[in-house]
């Protein structure tokens, strides 16, 4: 799963994501505990890229299949881009690549606003 929180640039304590399958678990954990859709992930590097991942259920009648929705966030939390992905596509996403390199982190869940 994830390890102890680490201090990364910006002085925010973040949890290290250890395996690709942990991403789905962490998103769903956050959604259950906070009642809000999605969870934020940070790729720790020079750019410090921030993403929000939502896990979308299967929709009927020509909608999107079950799988992740990945939003790239700007400096002020605005959505810069949004991708609806199949699971196999997500496994090739830069978030999973960052996780494999030990560079993917997420803030701990906060249940208070």
Protein backbone atom coordinates (compact mmCIF):
# COMPACT_ATOMS: atom_id res chain seq x y z
CA UNK A 1 0.00 0.00 0.00
CA UNK A 2 1.59 3.31 1.00
CA UNK A 3 4.38 4.11 3.41
CA UNK A 4 4.91 6.78 6.01
CA UNK A 5 4.41 10.38 5.01
CA UNK A 6 7.42 12.13 3.51
CA UNK A 7 8.22 15.78 3.31
CA UNK A 8 8.46 16.99 -0.29
CA UNK A 9 8.93 20.49 -1.70
CA UNK A 10 6.21 22.86 -0.52
CA UNK A 11 6.31 21.46 3.03
CA UNK A 12 3.26 19.27 2.50
CA UNK A 13 3.39 15.84 4.09
CA UNK A 14 2.48 13.26 1.47
CA UNK A 15 2.08 9.48 1.43
CA UNK A 16 4.16 7.47 -1.01
CA UNK A 17 2.10 5.27 -3.37
CA UNK A 18 3.73 1.84 -3.52
CA UNK A 19 1.82 -0.11 -6.21
CA UNK A 20 -0.40 0.71 -9.22
CA UNK A 21 -3.38 -1.05 -7.65
CA UNK A 22 -3.07 1.24 -4.62
CA UNK A 23 -4.19 4.20 -6.75
CA UNK A 24 -7.72 2.83 -7.15
CA UNK A 25 -7.88 1.92 -3.45
CA UNK A 26 -6.67 5.37 -2.36
CA UNK A 27 -9.19 7.13 -4.63
CA UNK A 28 -12.08 5.05 -3.30
CA UNK A 29 -10.88 5.46 0.31
CA UNK A 30 -10.87 9.23 -0.08
CA UNK A 31 -14.31 9.26 -1.70
CA UNK A 32 -15.83 7.15 1.08
CA UNK A 33 -14.24 9.11 3.92
CA UNK A 34 -14.79 12.62 2.53
CA UNK A 35 -17.91 12.22 0.41
CA UNK A 36 -16.10 14.10 -2.39
CA UNK A 37 -15.23 12.63 -5.76
CA UNK A 38 -11.58 11.94 -6.57
CA UNK A 39 -8.22 12.16 -4.88
CA UNK A 40 -5.19 14.31 -5.60
CA UNK A 41 -1.84 12.80 -6.54
CA UNK A 42 1.50 14.55 -6.97
CA UNK A 43 4.41 13.51 -9.15
CA UNK A 44 7.41 14.67 -7.16
CA UNK A 45 9.93 16.10 -9.55
CA UNK A 46 11.12 19.43 -10.87
CA UNK A 47 7.65 20.28 -12.22
CA UNK A 48 5.68 18.80 -9.29
CA UNK A 49 2.72 17.83 -11.48
CA UNK A 50 -0.65 17.52 -9.74
CA UNK A 51 -3.47 15.24 -10.86
CA UNK A 52 -6.90 14.36 -9.51
CA UNK A 53 -8.15 10.84 -10.18
CA UNK A 54 -11.80 9.79 -10.05
CA UNK A 55 -12.90 6.16 -10.38
CA UNK A 56 -15.90 6.11 -12.66
CA UNK A 57 -18.43 3.29 -12.45
CA UNK A 58 -19.71 1.55 -15.56
CA UNK A 59 -22.32 3.64 -17.36
CA UNK A 60 -24.96 2.30 -19.72
CA UNK A 61 -26.24 3.29 -23.14
CA UNK A 62 -23.08 4.42 -24.89
CA UNK A 63 -21.48 6.15 -21.91
CA UNK A 64 -17.95 5.64 -20.66
CA UNK A 65 -16.84 2.23 -19.43
CA UNK A 66 -15.74 1.76 -15.84
CA UNK A 67 -12.28 3.13 -15.16
CA UNK A 68 -10.31 6.16 -14.09
CA UNK A 69 -10.89 9.77 -15.03
CA UNK A 70 -7.59 11.65 -14.75
CA UNK A 71 -7.54 15.43 -14.46
CA UNK A 72 -4.33 17.44 -14.74
CA UNK A 73 -4.60 20.37 -12.31
CA UNK A 74 -3.05 23.82 -12.59
CA UNK A 75 -1.38 25.84 -9.84
CA UNK A 76 -4.73 27.07 -8.53
CA UNK A 77 -6.52 23.71 -8.68
CA UNK A 78 -8.17 24.41 -12.04
CA UNK A 79 -8.62 21.47 -14.43
CA UNK A 80 -6.22 21.85 -17.36
CA UNK A 81 -7.15 18.57 -19.06
CA UNK A 82 -9.37 15.56 -18.45
CA UNK A 83 -8.95 12.01 -19.73
CA UNK A 84 -11.49 9.17 -19.47
CA UNK A 85 -9.32 6.06 -19.60
CA UNK A 86 -9.77 2.32 -19.89
CA UNK A 87 -7.87 0.39 -17.23
CA UNK A 88 -5.23 -0.78 -19.72
CA UNK A 89 -4.69 2.82 -20.85
CA UNK A 90 -4.32 3.98 -17.24
CA UNK A 91 -1.55 1.44 -16.67
CA UNK A 92 0.46 3.33 -19.33
CA UNK A 93 -0.28 6.79 -17.85
CA UNK A 94 2.51 8.96 -16.41
CA UNK A 95 0.99 8.53 -12.91
CA UNK A 96 1.72 4.80 -13.01
CA UNK A 97 5.17 5.46 -14.48
CA UNK A 98 5.87 7.88 -11.61
CA UNK A 99 4.66 5.30 -9.08
CA UNK A 100 7.07 2.72 -10.53
CA UNK A 101 9.90 5.26 -10.16
CA UNK A 102 8.96 6.00 -6.51
CA UNK A 103 7.82 9.53 -7.36
CA UNK A 104 4.04 9.31 -6.82
CA UNK A 105 2.55 10.75 -3.64
CA UNK A 106 -0.86 11.68 -2.27
CA UNK A 107 -1.92 13.84 0.69
CA UNK A 108 -3.47 12.00 3.64
CA UNK A 109 -7.28 12.03 3.68
CA UNK A 110 -8.78 14.97 5.54
CA UNK A 111 -12.37 14.48 6.63
CA UNK A 112 -12.82 18.08 7.77
CA UNK A 113 -13.36 20.91 5.27
